[in-house]
Amino acid sequence: MNNSSKSLSAEEQEALLNTLKARFAKNQQRHPGLEWPTVQARLEAYPEKLWSLQLMEETGGEPDVLTQDAKTGEFLFYDCAPESPKGRRSLCYDRQALDARKEYKPEDSALDLATAMGIELLTEEDYRELQKRGAFDQKTSSWIKTPAEIRNLGGALFADCRYGRVFVYHNGAESYYAARGFRGSLRV
C-alpha cells in the first residue's frame, strides 16, 4: 500500500475486493436488496476509496456495505467487526483532548485517526442503524460523533450494546480505555 498517494497496488486491490465480496456474501442480512456486482463496479470506479477500506480492514474494522444512498447512489460502508476495532482502541476523543492530557497520553485520538484514514466516526443515528444489522460492541464500546454543545463542555459520547439494547453514554473527551475504540463509515 502506498500511503503517500493513498492507493493500492493491483494485487492489494484484488485481495481487498475478494475479502469484501466474501464478507458481503456471508452477511446478506446486513444489506437486503443489494447485489455484489453493483457494489464492486462502484468500488472499481472510485479506487481511491479502496485505500480507506484497506485501512479499515487492517485496523480490525471488517468493513461491510449496509445500504445505498437513494439520492447519490453512494454505498455506505460501516465497520462491522463484532467488537470495536482492535487497531483503534485506547484513544481519547480528539486532538484537543489529547493535547489537554498532561501525562499518560494515548498514541492518538479517534477523530485524528479517522481523518487520517479518510473515514467518519459513526453518529448516534448511524450506530443505532448498525445495531439493527447484528450484535456489535457487546464487550467493548465505541466513540461516536459528539455534538459541539457537549464537546465544548469537555465531554464526548460513546455507545455500546448490552442486554439487547443500545446505550449512549458520556465521558470526559480526554479519557481512553483498552476496551473503547471507534467505528467508522465511508461513502463510496
N, C-alpha and C. Protein backbone atom coordinates (compact mmCIF):
# COMPACT_ATOMS: atom_id res chain seq x y z
N MET A 1 0.84 -1.18 0.00
CA MET A 1 0.00 0.00 0.00
C MET A 1 0.89 1.24 0.00
N ASN A 2 0.56 2.17 -0.85
CA ASN A 2 1.32 3.41 -0.96
C ASN A 2 0.60 4.50 -0.17
N ASN A 3 1.10 4.79 1.03
CA ASN A 3 0.44 5.77 1.89
C ASN A 3 0.54 7.19 1.36
N SER A 4 1.62 7.52 0.64
CA SER A 4 1.77 8.89 0.16
C SER A 4 0.76 9.22 -0.94
N SER A 5 0.45 8.26 -1.79
CA SER A 5 -0.52 8.53 -2.86
C SER A 5 -1.90 7.97 -2.53
N LYS A 6 -2.01 7.33 -1.39
CA LYS A 6 -3.29 6.77 -0.94
C LYS A 6 -3.88 5.85 -2.00
N SER A 7 -3.04 4.93 -2.47
CA SER A 7 -3.51 3.98 -3.48
C SER A 7 -3.00 2.59 -3.14
N LEU A 8 -3.67 1.60 -3.69
CA LEU A 8 -3.30 0.21 -3.51
C LEU A 8 -2.74 -0.33 -4.82
N SER A 9 -1.86 -1.31 -4.71
CA SER A 9 -1.38 -1.99 -5.91
C SER A 9 -2.52 -2.84 -6.46
N ALA A 10 -2.36 -3.32 -7.68
CA ALA A 10 -3.40 -4.16 -8.30
C ALA A 10 -3.64 -5.41 -7.47
N GLU A 11 -2.57 -6.00 -6.92
CA GLU A 11 -2.70 -7.20 -6.09
C GLU A 11 -3.45 -6.89 -4.80
N GLU A 12 -3.13 -5.75 -4.18
CA GLU A 12 -3.82 -5.36 -2.95
C GLU A 12 -5.30 -5.08 -3.21
N GLN A 13 -5.59 -4.43 -4.34
CA GLN A 13 -6.99 -4.17 -4.70
C GLN A 13 -7.75 -5.47 -4.86
N GLU A 14 -7.15 -6.41 -5.58
CA GLU A 14 -7.81 -7.69 -5.81
C GLU A 14 -8.06 -8.43 -4.50
N ALA A 15 -7.06 -8.45 -3.62
CA ALA A 15 -7.20 -9.13 -2.34
C ALA A 15 -8.30 -8.48 -1.50
N LEU A 16 -8.33 -7.15 -1.47
CA LEU A 16 -9.34 -6.45 -0.68
C LEU A 16 -10.73 -6.70 -1.25
N LEU A 17 -10.88 -6.61 -2.56
CA LEU A 17 -12.18 -6.86 -3.18
C LEU A 17 -12.67 -8.28 -2.90
N ASN A 18 -11.75 -9.25 -2.91
CA ASN A 18 -12.13 -10.62 -2.58
C ASN A 18 -12.60 -10.74 -1.13
N THR A 19 -11.91 -10.06 -0.22
CA THR A 19 -12.30 -10.07 1.20
C THR A 19 -13.68 -9.44 1.37
N LEU A 20 -13.89 -8.28 0.74
CA LEU A 20 -15.17 -7.59 0.85
C LEU A 20 -16.30 -8.42 0.23
N LYS A 21 -16.01 -9.06 -0.90
CA LYS A 21 -17.03 -9.90 -1.56
C LYS A 21 -17.43 -11.06 -0.67
N ALA A 22 -16.45 -11.72 -0.06
CA ALA A 22 -16.75 -12.86 0.82
C ALA A 22 -17.57 -12.40 2.03
N ARG A 23 -17.21 -11.26 2.60
CA ARG A 23 -17.95 -10.74 3.76
C ARG A 23 -19.38 -10.36 3.36
N PHE A 24 -19.52 -9.76 2.18
CA PHE A 24 -20.82 -9.37 1.66
C PHE A 24 -21.71 -10.61 1.51
N ALA A 25 -21.16 -11.68 0.93
CA ALA A 25 -21.93 -12.91 0.70
C ALA A 25 -22.30 -13.59 2.02
N LYS A 26 -21.41 -13.54 2.99
CA LYS A 26 -21.64 -14.21 4.28
C LYS A 26 -22.66 -13.48 5.14
N ASN A 27 -22.86 -12.19 4.90
CA ASN A 27 -23.70 -11.36 5.77
C ASN A 27 -24.81 -10.67 4.99
N GLN A 28 -25.57 -11.44 4.22
CA GLN A 28 -26.64 -10.88 3.39
C GLN A 28 -27.68 -10.10 4.20
N GLN A 29 -27.88 -10.46 5.46
CA GLN A 29 -28.88 -9.78 6.29
C GLN A 29 -28.53 -8.31 6.52
N ARG A 30 -27.28 -7.95 6.33
CA ARG A 30 -26.87 -6.55 6.55
C ARG A 30 -27.28 -5.63 5.42
N HIS A 31 -27.48 -6.18 4.23
CA HIS A 31 -27.72 -5.33 3.06
C HIS A 31 -28.76 -5.93 2.13
N PRO A 32 -29.99 -6.10 2.62
CA PRO A 32 -31.03 -6.69 1.76
C PRO A 32 -31.27 -5.83 0.52
N GLY A 33 -31.41 -6.52 -0.60
CA GLY A 33 -31.70 -5.83 -1.85
C GLY A 33 -30.48 -5.35 -2.62
N LEU A 34 -29.30 -5.44 -2.02
CA LEU A 34 -28.09 -5.02 -2.72
C LEU A 34 -27.41 -6.23 -3.36
N GLU A 35 -26.80 -6.01 -4.50
CA GLU A 35 -26.10 -7.07 -5.23
C GLU A 35 -24.62 -6.73 -5.32
N TRP A 36 -23.76 -7.75 -5.11
CA TRP A 36 -22.32 -7.51 -5.11
C TRP A 36 -21.79 -6.91 -6.41
N PRO A 37 -22.19 -7.37 -7.60
CA PRO A 37 -21.62 -6.79 -8.82
C PRO A 37 -21.80 -5.27 -8.91
N THR A 38 -22.92 -4.76 -8.42
CA THR A 38 -23.15 -3.31 -8.42
C THR A 38 -22.21 -2.61 -7.45
N VAL A 39 -22.02 -3.21 -6.27
CA VAL A 39 -21.11 -2.65 -5.28
C VAL A 39 -19.68 -2.67 -5.82
N GLN A 40 -19.27 -3.79 -6.40
CA GLN A 40 -17.91 -3.90 -6.93
C GLN A 40 -17.66 -2.89 -8.04
N ALA A 41 -18.64 -2.70 -8.91
CA ALA A 41 -18.48 -1.73 -10.00
C ALA A 41 -18.26 -0.33 -9.43
N ARG A 42 -18.98 0.00 -8.37
CA ARG A 42 -18.83 1.32 -7.74
C ARG A 42 -17.44 1.45 -7.11
N LEU A 43 -16.99 0.39 -6.44
CA LEU A 43 -15.66 0.41 -5.83
C LEU A 43 -14.57 0.58 -6.90
N GLU A 44 -14.72 -0.11 -8.00
CA GLU A 44 -13.73 -0.01 -9.07
C GLU A 44 -13.75 1.36 -9.74
N ALA A 45 -14.89 2.04 -9.69
CA ALA A 45 -14.99 3.38 -10.26
C ALA A 45 -14.37 4.44 -9.35
N TYR A 46 -14.20 4.10 -8.08
CA TYR A 46 -13.62 5.03 -7.10
C TYR A 46 -12.48 4.35 -6.35
N PRO A 47 -11.37 4.04 -7.05
CA PRO A 47 -10.29 3.27 -6.44
C PRO A 47 -9.64 3.97 -5.24
N GLU A 48 -9.73 5.30 -5.17
CA GLU A 48 -9.15 6.00 -4.02
C GLU A 48 -9.86 5.63 -2.72
N LYS A 49 -11.09 5.18 -2.79
CA LYS A 49 -11.83 4.76 -1.60
C LYS A 49 -11.33 3.42 -1.07
N LEU A 50 -10.72 2.64 -1.95
CA LEU A 50 -10.19 1.34 -1.52
C LEU A 50 -9.08 1.50 -0.49
N TRP A 51 -8.33 2.58 -0.57
CA TRP A 51 -7.27 2.84 0.40
C TRP A 51 -7.86 2.95 1.80
N SER A 52 -8.94 3.72 1.94
CA SER A 52 -9.60 3.85 3.24
C SER A 52 -10.18 2.52 3.71
N LEU A 53 -10.80 1.79 2.80
CA LEU A 53 -11.35 0.48 3.17
C LEU A 53 -10.24 -0.47 3.62
N GLN A 54 -9.08 -0.40 2.97
CA GLN A 54 -7.95 -1.24 3.36
C GLN A 54 -7.51 -0.90 4.78
N LEU A 55 -7.45 0.39 5.11
CA LEU A 55 -7.08 0.79 6.47
C LEU A 55 -8.13 0.35 7.48
N MET A 56 -9.39 0.42 7.10
CA MET A 56 -10.45 -0.08 7.98
C MET A 56 -10.23 -1.57 8.25
N GLU A 57 -9.88 -2.29 7.20
CA GLU A 57 -9.63 -3.74 7.32
C GLU A 57 -8.40 -4.01 8.17
N GLU A 58 -7.31 -3.31 7.90
CA GLU A 58 -6.05 -3.55 8.62
C GLU A 58 -6.16 -3.25 10.11
N THR A 59 -7.03 -2.33 10.49
CA THR A 59 -7.17 -1.98 11.90
C THR A 59 -8.26 -2.80 12.59
N GLY A 60 -8.78 -3.81 11.91
CA GLY A 60 -9.73 -4.73 12.52
C GLY A 60 -11.19 -4.35 12.40
N GLY A 61 -11.52 -3.44 11.49
CA GLY A 61 -12.90 -2.97 11.39
C GLY A 61 -13.85 -3.89 10.65
N GLU A 62 -13.33 -4.77 9.80
CA GLU A 62 -14.18 -5.67 9.00
C GLU A 62 -15.30 -4.89 8.28
N PRO A 63 -14.94 -3.93 7.41
CA PRO A 63 -15.96 -3.11 6.76
C PRO A 63 -16.88 -3.92 5.85
N ASP A 64 -18.15 -3.51 5.86
CA ASP A 64 -19.15 -4.13 5.01
C ASP A 64 -20.14 -3.04 4.59
N VAL A 65 -20.73 -3.21 3.42
CA VAL A 65 -21.71 -2.24 2.94
C VAL A 65 -23.05 -2.52 3.62
N LEU A 66 -23.71 -1.45 4.08
CA LEU A 66 -25.01 -1.63 4.74
C LEU A 66 -26.16 -1.14 3.89
N THR A 67 -25.94 -0.08 3.14
CA THR A 67 -27.05 0.50 2.39
C THR A 67 -26.53 1.32 1.22
N GLN A 68 -27.45 1.77 0.40
CA GLN A 68 -27.12 2.65 -0.72
C GLN A 68 -27.95 3.92 -0.58
N ASP A 69 -27.30 5.06 -0.70
CA ASP A 69 -27.98 6.34 -0.64
C ASP A 69 -28.81 6.50 -1.91
N ALA A 70 -30.12 6.62 -1.75
CA ALA A 70 -31.02 6.70 -2.90
C ALA A 70 -30.79 7.95 -3.74
N LYS A 71 -30.34 9.03 -3.11
CA LYS A 71 -30.14 10.30 -3.84
C LYS A 71 -28.83 10.32 -4.60
N THR A 72 -27.75 9.86 -3.98
CA THR A 72 -26.41 9.98 -4.59
C THR A 72 -25.93 8.71 -5.26
N GLY A 73 -26.54 7.57 -4.90
CA GLY A 73 -26.07 6.29 -5.42
C GLY A 73 -24.89 5.73 -4.66
N GLU A 74 -24.40 6.48 -3.66
CA GLU A 74 -23.25 6.03 -2.89
C GLU A 74 -23.62 4.85 -1.99
N PHE A 75 -22.66 3.93 -1.86
CA PHE A 75 -22.81 2.84 -0.90
C PHE A 75 -22.17 3.27 0.41
N LEU A 76 -22.79 2.89 1.52
CA LEU A 76 -22.27 3.24 2.84
C LEU A 76 -21.67 2.01 3.48
N PHE A 77 -20.37 2.07 3.72
CA PHE A 77 -19.63 1.01 4.41
C PHE A 77 -19.47 1.40 5.87
N TYR A 78 -19.71 0.44 6.76
CA TYR A 78 -19.51 0.63 8.20
C TYR A 78 -18.55 -0.44 8.69
N ASP A 79 -17.85 -0.13 9.78
CA ASP A 79 -17.08 -1.16 10.47
C ASP A 79 -18.06 -2.14 11.09
N CYS A 80 -17.93 -3.42 10.73
CA CYS A 80 -18.87 -4.43 11.21
C CYS A 80 -18.20 -5.53 12.03
N ALA A 81 -17.01 -5.26 12.57
CA ALA A 81 -16.38 -6.23 13.47
C ALA A 81 -17.28 -6.40 14.69
N PRO A 82 -17.34 -7.60 15.26
CA PRO A 82 -18.21 -7.81 16.42
C PRO A 82 -17.92 -6.84 17.57
N GLU A 83 -16.65 -6.55 17.80
CA GLU A 83 -16.26 -5.61 18.86
C GLU A 83 -15.55 -4.42 18.23
N SER A 84 -15.43 -3.34 18.98
CA SER A 84 -14.77 -2.14 18.49
C SER A 84 -13.40 -2.53 17.92
N PRO A 85 -13.03 -2.04 16.74
CA PRO A 85 -11.80 -2.48 16.07
C PRO A 85 -10.56 -2.42 16.96
N LYS A 86 -9.85 -3.55 17.04
CA LYS A 86 -8.69 -3.67 17.93
C LYS A 86 -7.60 -2.67 17.62
N GLY A 87 -7.40 -2.36 16.36
CA GLY A 87 -6.35 -1.43 15.98
C GLY A 87 -6.71 0.03 16.19
N ARG A 88 -7.87 0.28 16.79
CA ARG A 88 -8.33 1.66 17.01
C ARG A 88 -8.85 1.86 18.43
N ARG A 89 -8.24 1.17 19.38
CA ARG A 89 -8.66 1.32 20.78
C ARG A 89 -7.63 2.12 21.56
N SER A 90 -7.97 2.42 22.79
CA SER A 90 -7.09 3.20 23.69
C SER A 90 -6.77 4.57 23.10
N LEU A 91 -7.80 5.23 22.60
CA LEU A 91 -7.68 6.56 22.01
C LEU A 91 -8.61 7.52 22.75
N CYS A 92 -8.15 8.74 22.99
CA CYS A 92 -9.07 9.74 23.50
C CYS A 92 -9.92 10.23 22.32
N TYR A 93 -10.81 11.18 22.58
CA TYR A 93 -11.77 11.55 21.54
C TYR A 93 -11.17 12.37 20.40
N ASP A 94 -10.48 13.48 20.73
CA ASP A 94 -9.99 14.36 19.66
C ASP A 94 -8.65 14.99 20.04
N ARG A 95 -8.11 15.80 19.13
CA ARG A 95 -6.80 16.43 19.34
C ARG A 95 -6.82 17.34 20.56
N GLN A 96 -7.87 18.09 20.75
CA GLN A 96 -7.97 18.98 21.92
C GLN A 96 -7.84 18.17 23.21
N ALA A 97 -8.50 17.03 23.27
CA ALA A 97 -8.41 16.18 24.46
C ALA A 97 -7.01 15.59 24.62
N LEU A 98 -6.41 15.19 23.51
CA LEU A 98 -5.06 14.63 23.55
C LEU A 98 -4.06 15.68 24.05
N ASP A 99 -4.17 16.88 23.54
CA ASP A 99 -3.27 17.96 23.95
C ASP A 99 -3.48 18.36 25.41
N ALA A 100 -4.70 18.18 25.91
CA ALA A 100 -5.01 18.57 27.30
C ALA A 100 -4.44 17.59 28.32
N ARG A 101 -4.14 16.38 27.90
CA ARG A 101 -3.60 15.39 28.84
C ARG A 101 -2.17 15.79 29.21
N LYS A 102 -1.90 15.82 30.49
CA LYS A 102 -0.56 16.19 30.96
C LYS A 102 0.38 14.99 30.97
N GLU A 103 -0.16 13.82 31.27
CA GLU A 103 0.68 12.61 31.30
C GLU A 103 -0.15 11.41 30.85
N TYR A 104 0.53 10.32 30.58
CA TYR A 104 -0.11 9.09 30.13
C TYR A 104 -0.98 9.33 28.90
N LYS A 105 -0.40 10.03 27.93
CA LYS A 105 -1.15 10.33 26.71
C LYS A 105 -1.30 9.07 25.86
N PRO A 106 -2.48 8.89 25.27
CA PRO A 106 -2.62 7.79 24.31
C PRO A 106 -1.84 8.12 23.04
N GLU A 107 -1.70 7.14 22.16
CA GLU A 107 -0.95 7.35 20.92
C GLU A 107 -1.61 8.34 19.97
N ASP A 108 -2.93 8.41 20.01
CA ASP A 108 -3.66 9.22 19.04
C ASP A 108 -5.05 9.50 19.58
N SER A 109 -5.83 10.21 18.78
CA SER A 109 -7.23 10.44 19.12
C SER A 109 -8.11 9.81 18.05
N ALA A 110 -9.35 9.52 18.42
CA ALA A 110 -10.27 8.88 17.48
C ALA A 110 -10.52 9.77 16.25
N LEU A 111 -10.77 11.05 16.46
CA LEU A 111 -11.04 11.93 15.32
C LEU A 111 -9.84 12.10 14.41
N ASP A 112 -8.65 12.23 14.99
CA ASP A 112 -7.45 12.37 14.16
C ASP A 112 -7.20 11.12 13.33
N LEU A 113 -7.34 9.96 13.95
CA LEU A 113 -7.10 8.71 13.22
C LEU A 113 -8.15 8.51 12.13
N ALA A 114 -9.41 8.81 12.43
CA ALA A 114 -10.46 8.68 11.41
C ALA A 114 -10.15 9.59 10.22
N THR A 115 -9.75 10.82 10.49
CA THR A 115 -9.42 11.75 9.42
C THR A 115 -8.25 11.23 8.59
N ALA A 116 -7.23 10.72 9.26
CA ALA A 116 -6.06 10.18 8.55
C ALA A 116 -6.44 8.99 7.67
N MET A 117 -7.45 8.24 8.09
CA MET A 117 -7.91 7.07 7.34
C MET A 117 -8.90 7.44 6.23
N GLY A 118 -9.39 8.67 6.25
CA GLY A 118 -10.37 9.09 5.25
C GLY A 118 -11.78 8.62 5.55
N ILE A 119 -12.09 8.38 6.83
CA ILE A 119 -13.42 7.90 7.23
C ILE A 119 -14.02 8.84 8.26
N GLU A 120 -15.29 8.62 8.58
CA GLU A 120 -16.02 9.42 9.57
C GLU A 120 -16.38 8.54 10.76
N LEU A 121 -16.39 9.13 11.95
CA LEU A 121 -16.94 8.43 13.10
C LEU A 121 -18.44 8.26 12.88
N LEU A 122 -18.99 7.16 13.38
CA LEU A 122 -20.43 6.98 13.30
C LEU A 122 -21.13 8.01 14.17
N THR A 123 -22.27 8.49 13.71
CA THR A 123 -23.13 9.32 14.53
C THR A 123 -23.96 8.39 15.41
N GLU A 124 -24.70 8.96 16.36
CA GLU A 124 -25.58 8.12 17.17
C GLU A 124 -26.60 7.42 16.28
N GLU A 125 -27.13 8.12 15.31
CA GLU A 125 -28.10 7.52 14.38
C GLU A 125 -27.45 6.37 13.59
N ASP A 126 -26.24 6.59 13.09
CA ASP A 126 -25.51 5.54 12.36
C ASP A 126 -25.32 4.32 13.26
N TYR A 127 -24.91 4.58 14.50
CA TYR A 127 -24.63 3.49 15.43
C TYR A 127 -25.89 2.66 15.69
N ARG A 128 -27.00 3.33 15.89
CA ARG A 128 -28.26 2.61 16.13
C ARG A 128 -28.66 1.81 14.89
N GLU A 129 -28.42 2.37 13.71
CA GLU A 129 -28.72 1.64 12.47
C GLU A 129 -27.84 0.40 12.35
N LEU A 130 -26.57 0.53 12.67
CA LEU A 130 -25.67 -0.62 12.64
C LEU A 130 -26.18 -1.72 13.56
N GLN A 131 -26.63 -1.36 14.74
CA GLN A 131 -27.08 -2.35 15.73
C GLN A 131 -28.34 -3.09 15.27
N LYS A 132 -29.07 -2.55 14.31
CA LYS A 132 -30.22 -3.25 13.75
C LYS A 132 -29.78 -4.39 12.83
N ARG A 133 -28.50 -4.37 12.42
CA ARG A 133 -27.98 -5.34 11.45
C ARG A 133 -27.20 -6.47 12.08
N GLY A 134 -27.06 -6.47 13.40
CA GLY A 134 -26.30 -7.53 14.06
C GLY A 134 -26.00 -7.16 15.49
N ALA A 135 -25.19 -7.99 16.13
CA ALA A 135 -24.80 -7.76 17.53
C ALA A 135 -23.38 -7.22 17.55
N PHE A 136 -23.23 -5.97 17.95
CA PHE A 136 -21.93 -5.30 17.95
C PHE A 136 -21.66 -4.66 19.31
N ASP A 137 -20.39 -4.61 19.68
CA ASP A 137 -19.96 -3.95 20.92
C ASP A 137 -20.68 -4.50 22.15
N GLN A 138 -20.71 -5.82 22.28
CA GLN A 138 -21.30 -6.41 23.47
C GLN A 138 -20.30 -6.51 24.62
N LYS A 139 -19.01 -6.35 24.31
CA LYS A 139 -17.96 -6.37 25.34
C LYS A 139 -17.11 -5.11 25.31
N THR A 140 -17.24 -4.32 24.26
CA THR A 140 -16.45 -3.10 24.09
C THR A 140 -17.40 -1.92 23.93
N SER A 141 -16.85 -0.74 23.75
CA SER A 141 -17.65 0.44 23.43
C SER A 141 -16.92 1.22 22.35
N SER A 142 -17.64 2.14 21.71
CA SER A 142 -17.07 2.91 20.60
C SER A 142 -17.43 4.38 20.73
N TRP A 143 -16.41 5.23 20.56
CA TRP A 143 -16.67 6.66 20.49
C TRP A 143 -17.61 6.92 19.32
N ILE A 144 -18.53 7.87 19.46
CA ILE A 144 -19.39 8.29 18.36
C ILE A 144 -19.27 9.81 18.21
N LYS A 145 -19.67 10.30 17.06
CA LYS A 145 -19.58 11.74 16.79
C LYS A 145 -20.36 12.49 17.87
N THR A 146 -19.71 13.47 18.46
CA THR A 146 -20.27 14.20 19.59
C THR A 146 -20.72 15.60 19.16
N PRO A 147 -21.94 15.99 19.52
CA PRO A 147 -22.40 17.34 19.20
C PRO A 147 -21.51 18.40 19.84
N ALA A 148 -21.34 19.53 19.16
CA ALA A 148 -20.46 20.60 19.63
C ALA A 148 -20.83 21.10 21.02
N GLU A 149 -22.12 21.17 21.32
CA GLU A 149 -22.52 21.69 22.63
C GLU A 149 -22.05 20.79 23.78
N ILE A 150 -21.90 19.52 23.54
CA ILE A 150 -21.36 18.60 24.56
C ILE A 150 -19.84 18.69 24.57
N ARG A 151 -19.26 18.69 23.38
CA ARG A 151 -17.79 18.74 23.29
C ARG A 151 -17.23 20.03 23.87
N ASN A 152 -17.93 21.14 23.68
CA ASN A 152 -17.48 22.43 24.20
C ASN A 152 -17.44 22.46 25.72
N LEU A 153 -18.16 21.55 26.36
CA LEU A 153 -18.17 21.45 27.82
C LEU A 153 -17.17 20.40 28.32
N GLY A 154 -16.39 19.83 27.40
CA GLY A 154 -15.36 18.87 27.78
C GLY A 154 -15.76 17.41 27.66
N GLY A 155 -16.99 17.16 27.24
CA GLY A 155 -17.47 15.79 27.16
C GLY A 155 -17.40 15.21 25.76
N ALA A 156 -17.62 13.92 25.69
CA ALA A 156 -17.71 13.20 24.42
C ALA A 156 -18.62 12.00 24.63
N LEU A 157 -19.21 11.52 23.54
CA LEU A 157 -20.16 10.42 23.62
C LEU A 157 -19.55 9.12 23.13
N PHE A 158 -19.99 8.02 23.74
CA PHE A 158 -19.64 6.70 23.26
C PHE A 158 -20.87 5.81 23.42
N ALA A 159 -20.85 4.68 22.75
CA ALA A 159 -22.02 3.79 22.78
C ALA A 159 -21.57 2.34 22.83
N ASP A 160 -22.50 1.50 23.28
CA ASP A 160 -22.30 0.05 23.25
C ASP A 160 -23.66 -0.62 23.23
N CYS A 161 -23.65 -1.94 23.23
CA CYS A 161 -24.90 -2.70 23.25
C CYS A 161 -24.81 -3.72 24.38
N ARG A 162 -25.71 -3.60 25.32
CA ARG A 162 -25.79 -4.53 26.45
C ARG A 162 -27.25 -4.91 26.65
N TYR A 163 -27.47 -6.15 27.03
CA TYR A 163 -28.82 -6.62 27.34
C TYR A 163 -29.78 -6.40 26.17
N GLY A 164 -29.24 -6.48 24.96
CA GLY A 164 -30.06 -6.33 23.77
C GLY A 164 -30.48 -4.90 23.45
N ARG A 165 -29.87 -3.92 24.11
CA ARG A 165 -30.22 -2.51 23.89
C ARG A 165 -28.98 -1.67 23.63
N VAL A 166 -29.15 -0.61 22.87
CA VAL A 166 -28.07 0.34 22.63
C VAL A 166 -28.08 1.37 23.76
N PHE A 167 -26.90 1.61 24.32
CA PHE A 167 -26.75 2.63 25.35
C PHE A 167 -25.76 3.67 24.84
N VAL A 168 -26.09 4.93 25.02
CA VAL A 168 -25.20 6.04 24.69
C VAL A 168 -24.85 6.72 26.01
N TYR A 169 -23.56 6.92 26.21
CA TYR A 169 -23.05 7.49 27.45
C TYR A 169 -22.17 8.70 27.16
N HIS A 170 -21.77 9.37 28.24
CA HIS A 170 -20.83 10.48 28.14
C HIS A 170 -19.60 10.17 28.98
N ASN A 171 -18.51 10.79 28.62
CA ASN A 171 -17.25 10.65 29.35
C ASN A 171 -16.43 11.90 29.04
N GLY A 172 -15.42 12.16 29.85
CA GLY A 172 -14.50 13.23 29.51
C GLY A 172 -13.81 12.86 28.20
N ALA A 173 -13.67 13.81 27.30
CA ALA A 173 -13.09 13.53 25.98
C ALA A 173 -11.65 13.06 26.06
N GLU A 174 -10.96 13.40 27.15
CA GLU A 174 -9.55 13.02 27.29
C GLU A 174 -9.38 11.59 27.80
N SER A 175 -10.47 10.94 28.19
CA SER A 175 -10.36 9.57 28.71
C SER A 175 -10.08 8.58 27.57
N TYR A 176 -9.48 7.47 27.93
CA TYR A 176 -9.27 6.40 26.96
C TYR A 176 -9.17 5.08 27.71
N TYR A 177 -9.63 4.02 27.04
CA TYR A 177 -9.71 2.71 27.66
C TYR A 177 -9.34 1.64 26.63
N ALA A 178 -8.80 0.55 27.13
CA ALA A 178 -8.41 -0.56 26.25
C ALA A 178 -9.61 -1.19 25.55
N ALA A 179 -10.79 -1.05 26.13
CA ALA A 179 -11.99 -1.65 25.55
C ALA A 179 -12.84 -0.63 24.78
N ARG A 180 -12.30 0.57 24.54
CA ARG A 180 -13.05 1.56 23.77
C ARG A 180 -12.24 2.00 22.56
N GLY A 181 -12.87 1.90 21.41
CA GLY A 181 -12.27 2.37 20.17
C GLY A 181 -13.25 3.25 19.43
N PHE A 182 -13.26 3.13 18.12
CA PHE A 182 -14.28 3.83 17.35
C PHE A 182 -14.59 3.04 16.09
N ARG A 183 -15.81 3.19 15.64
CA ARG A 183 -16.27 2.61 14.39
C ARG A 183 -16.42 3.73 13.38
N GLY A 184 -16.06 3.41 12.14
CA GLY A 184 -16.12 4.42 11.11
C GLY A 184 -17.08 4.06 10.00
N SER A 185 -17.35 5.05 9.17
CA SER A 185 -18.17 4.84 7.98
C SER A 185 -17.47 5.50 6.79
N LEU A 186 -17.78 4.99 5.62
CA LEU A 186 -17.20 5.51 4.39
C LEU A 186 -18.26 5.47 3.30
N ARG A 187 -18.40 6.59 2.60
CA ARG A 187 -19.32 6.66 1.46
C ARG A 187 -18.52 6.43 0.19
N VAL A 188 -19.00 5.49 -0.64
CA VAL A 188 -18.33 5.18 -1.91
C VAL A 188 -19.34 5.36 -3.04
